[in-house]
Amino acid sequence: MANGNWTVDQTVELFAQCAAARDNGESLSGAFGAIAARTGRSVNSVRNYYYSQAKTFELVPEVAEKLGIKRAAVERERFVPFGRGEVRRLVEYVLTARGEGKSVRRAIFELAEGDPKAALRYQNKYRSVLKSHRDLVESVLADLKNRGINCSSPYGETTDNFSRLTEYIAALDDSRVNKFLSLIEKLT
């Protein structure tokens, strides 16, 4: 496997291959894959390098020009943030679909109406919400249950405080467990 250092020739080749892919109406994924195979790097490493260099070339276009790199500008789609109501609807839709026996992937695909970019956006947001906003997810679960709507918890069936505390402690490393227990001793 190649080390992390890119040569000037490899950088020029990467940008030439990406420009050719764009000119042919192809995605950059194929170009990243071809360069990854040729250099012994991972596709993700190639992709990350490409976008970091493209940003550098946007900021200092004379460097790209000197290297003969054309079309170094990164084509970005406008980032569309989620509104709070949209996040809540996403979580509600997936939890309800899970209650009907559907997979998360199928629920998200349906919500995206078959649009792969929208599906990826929803999937990433859903995962983020599960990880970082458990309170919102549990609020949606409680609301659905109060309305008599069949739903499924993404955290398993136990959502009582004792179970949550046990899960929290189990996820801590040894030093953090000791700090947590010291704090509990001070409170009692």
Protein backbone atom coordinates (compact mmCIF):
# COMPACT_ATOMS: atom_id res chain seq x y z
CA MET A 1 0.00 0.00 0.00
CA ALA A 2 1.29 3.45 -0.87
CA ASN A 3 2.11 5.91 1.82
CA GLY A 4 0.10 9.10 2.21
CA ASN A 5 2.43 11.20 0.07
CA TRP A 6 1.17 12.05 -3.37
CA THR A 7 3.56 12.92 -6.16
CA VAL A 8 2.90 15.82 -8.52
CA ASP A 9 2.44 13.32 -11.37
CA GLN A 10 -0.16 11.35 -9.38
CA THR A 11 -2.03 14.56 -8.53
CA VAL A 12 -2.06 15.66 -12.18
CA GLU A 13 -3.21 12.17 -13.24
CA LEU A 14 -6.00 12.20 -10.65
CA PHE A 15 -7.35 15.54 -11.82
CA ALA A 16 -7.02 14.58 -15.49
CA GLN A 17 -8.95 11.36 -14.91
CA CYS A 18 -11.66 13.20 -12.95
CA ALA A 19 -11.95 15.87 -15.67
CA ALA A 20 -12.31 13.13 -18.30
CA ALA A 21 -15.00 11.40 -16.24
CA ARG A 22 -16.92 14.67 -15.93
CA ASP A 23 -16.56 15.37 -19.68
CA ASN A 24 -18.00 11.92 -20.41
CA GLY A 25 -20.92 12.48 -18.04
CA GLU A 26 -19.63 9.85 -15.62
CA SER A 27 -19.39 10.05 -11.86
CA LEU A 28 -16.06 10.68 -10.20
CA SER A 29 -16.34 7.37 -8.33
CA GLY A 30 -14.92 5.42 -11.27
CA ALA A 31 -11.95 7.79 -11.51
CA PHE A 32 -11.33 7.52 -7.78
CA GLY A 33 -11.48 3.72 -8.03
CA ALA A 34 -9.06 3.58 -10.95
CA ILE A 35 -6.54 5.83 -9.21
CA ALA A 36 -6.95 3.86 -5.97
CA ALA A 37 -6.16 0.61 -7.79
CA ARG A 38 -3.13 2.14 -9.50
CA THR A 39 -1.69 3.75 -6.37
CA GLY A 40 -2.61 1.14 -3.75
CA ARG A 41 -4.69 3.64 -1.80
CA SER A 42 -8.28 3.26 -0.65
CA VAL A 43 -11.02 4.87 -2.71
CA ASN A 44 -11.96 7.03 0.30
CA SER A 45 -8.36 8.22 0.63
CA VAL A 46 -8.28 9.19 -3.06
CA ARG A 47 -11.65 10.97 -2.79
CA ASN A 48 -10.57 12.89 0.31
CA TYR A 49 -7.29 13.91 -1.30
CA TYR A 50 -9.07 15.05 -4.47
CA TYR A 51 -11.50 17.31 -2.62
CA SER A 52 -8.83 18.76 -0.33
CA GLN A 53 -6.59 19.53 -3.32
CA ALA A 54 -9.50 20.91 -5.33
CA LYS A 55 -10.23 23.32 -2.48
CA THR A 56 -6.56 24.35 -2.43
CA PHE A 57 -6.63 24.88 -6.20
CA GLU A 58 -9.77 27.03 -5.84
CA LEU A 59 -8.00 29.20 -3.28
CA VAL A 60 -4.71 29.33 -5.20
CA PRO A 61 -5.62 28.80 -8.87
CA GLU A 62 -2.13 29.68 -10.09
CA VAL A 63 -0.83 26.43 -8.58
CA ALA A 64 -3.35 24.39 -10.57
CA GLU A 65 -2.58 26.44 -13.66
CA LYS A 66 1.17 25.88 -13.25
CA LEU A 67 0.56 22.12 -13.01
CA GLY A 68 -1.71 22.17 -16.05
CA ILE A 69 -4.70 21.06 -14.02
CA LYS A 70 -7.96 22.14 -15.57
CA ARG A 71 -11.41 22.23 -14.02
CA ALA A 72 -10.13 21.98 -10.49
CA ALA A 73 -13.25 23.67 -9.20
CA VAL A 74 -15.31 21.36 -7.06
CA GLU A 75 -18.91 21.12 -8.12
CA ARG A 76 -20.91 21.14 -4.92
CA GLU A 77 -24.59 20.89 -4.47
CA ARG A 78 -26.03 23.45 -2.16
CA PHE A 79 -26.24 22.11 1.37
CA VAL A 80 -29.85 22.03 2.53
CA PRO A 81 -30.14 21.88 6.32
CA PHE A 82 -32.97 19.97 7.96
CA GLY A 83 -35.63 21.92 9.80
CA ARG A 84 -36.68 20.67 13.25
CA GLY A 85 -40.11 19.66 11.95
CA GLU A 86 -38.54 17.80 9.04
CA VAL A 87 -36.28 15.83 11.40
CA ARG A 88 -39.24 14.92 13.58
CA ARG A 89 -41.25 13.77 10.53
CA LEU A 90 -38.28 11.68 9.34
CA VAL A 91 -37.94 9.94 12.70
CA GLU A 92 -41.70 9.42 12.97
CA TYR A 93 -41.90 7.97 9.46
CA VAL A 94 -39.06 5.48 10.04
CA LEU A 95 -40.27 4.40 13.50
CA THR A 96 -43.78 3.87 12.15
CA ALA A 97 -42.49 1.92 9.14
CA ARG A 98 -40.40 -0.24 11.49
CA GLY A 99 -43.59 -0.89 13.49
CA GLU A 100 -45.12 -2.19 10.24
CA GLY A 101 -42.19 -4.59 9.82
CA LYS A 102 -40.31 -2.60 7.17
CA SER A 103 -36.56 -2.15 7.24
CA VAL A 104 -35.04 1.26 7.89
CA ARG A 105 -33.56 1.20 4.39
CA ARG A 106 -36.93 0.51 2.79
CA ALA A 107 -38.64 3.20 4.86
CA ILE A 108 -36.05 5.77 3.87
CA PHE A 109 -36.22 4.74 0.20
CA GLU A 110 -40.00 5.18 0.27
CA LEU A 111 -39.72 8.55 2.00
CA ALA A 112 -37.19 9.66 -0.62
CA GLU A 113 -39.58 8.50 -3.35
CA GLY A 114 -36.81 6.52 -4.99
CA ASP A 115 -34.36 9.45 -5.22
CA PRO A 116 -30.96 8.04 -4.18
CA LYS A 117 -29.53 11.44 -3.17
CA ALA A 118 -32.53 12.21 -1.00
CA ALA A 119 -32.35 8.70 0.48
CA LEU A 120 -28.69 9.18 1.40
CA ARG A 121 -29.51 12.56 2.96
CA TYR A 122 -32.33 11.02 5.03
CA GLN A 123 -30.25 7.99 6.02
CA ASN A 124 -27.35 10.14 7.24
CA LYS A 125 -29.67 12.41 9.20
CA TYR A 126 -31.55 9.49 10.73
CA ARG A 127 -28.31 7.86 11.91
CA SER A 128 -27.12 11.18 13.32
CA VAL A 129 -30.37 11.70 15.22
CA LEU A 130 -30.26 8.18 16.67
CA LYS A 131 -26.73 8.74 17.89
CA SER A 132 -26.91 12.33 19.12
CA HIS A 133 -30.55 13.11 19.87
CA ARG A 134 -31.97 10.17 21.78
CA ASP A 135 -34.29 12.52 23.65
CA LEU A 136 -35.98 13.53 20.39
CA VAL A 137 -36.31 9.90 19.26
CA GLU A 138 -37.83 8.88 22.58
CA SER A 139 -40.18 11.88 22.47
CA VAL A 140 -41.40 10.79 19.02
CA LEU A 141 -41.78 7.20 20.27
CA ALA A 142 -43.87 8.34 23.25
CA ASP A 143 -46.02 10.56 21.03
CA LEU A 144 -46.66 7.74 18.56
CA LYS A 145 -47.56 5.32 21.35
CA ASN A 146 -49.88 7.90 22.94
CA ARG A 147 -51.68 8.23 19.60
CA GLY A 148 -51.99 4.43 19.38
CA ILE A 149 -49.68 4.15 16.39
CA ASN A 150 -47.65 0.94 16.14
CA CYS A 151 -43.94 1.82 16.13
CA SER A 152 -40.60 0.26 16.93
CA SER A 153 -37.82 1.61 19.11
CA PRO A 154 -34.44 1.71 17.37
CA TYR A 155 -32.79 1.18 20.76
CA GLY A 156 -34.53 -2.11 21.52
CA GLU A 157 -37.52 -2.48 23.76
CA THR A 158 -36.01 -1.22 26.99
CA THR A 159 -36.18 2.53 27.44
CA ASP A 160 -36.51 2.73 31.22
CA ASN A 161 -33.97 4.91 33.06
CA PHE A 162 -32.19 1.98 34.71
CA SER A 163 -31.56 0.34 31.33
CA ARG A 164 -30.43 3.63 29.84
CA LEU A 165 -28.04 4.19 32.74
CA THR A 166 -26.65 0.68 32.39
CA GLU A 167 -26.09 1.21 28.64
CA TYR A 168 -24.40 4.55 29.35
CA ILE A 169 -22.02 3.08 31.93
CA ALA A 170 -21.22 0.09 29.70
CA ALA A 171 -20.14 2.47 26.92
CA LEU A 172 -17.62 4.31 29.15
CA ASP A 173 -13.94 3.46 29.29
CA ASP A 174 -12.39 2.58 32.70
CA SER A 175 -11.22 6.10 33.58
CA ARG A 176 -14.63 7.59 32.79
CA VAL A 177 -16.41 4.87 34.80
CA ASN A 178 -14.29 5.78 37.81
CA LYS A 179 -15.11 9.47 37.39
CA PHE A 180 -18.79 8.63 37.04
CA LEU A 181 -18.78 6.48 40.19
CA SER A 182 -16.94 9.24 42.12
CA LEU A 183 -19.62 11.69 41.08
CA ILE A 184 -22.39 9.31 42.18
CA GLU A 185 -20.68 8.85 45.59
CA LYS A 186 -20.64 12.62 46.08
CA LEU A 187 -24.36 12.81 45.31
CA THR A 188 -25.34 10.11 47.84
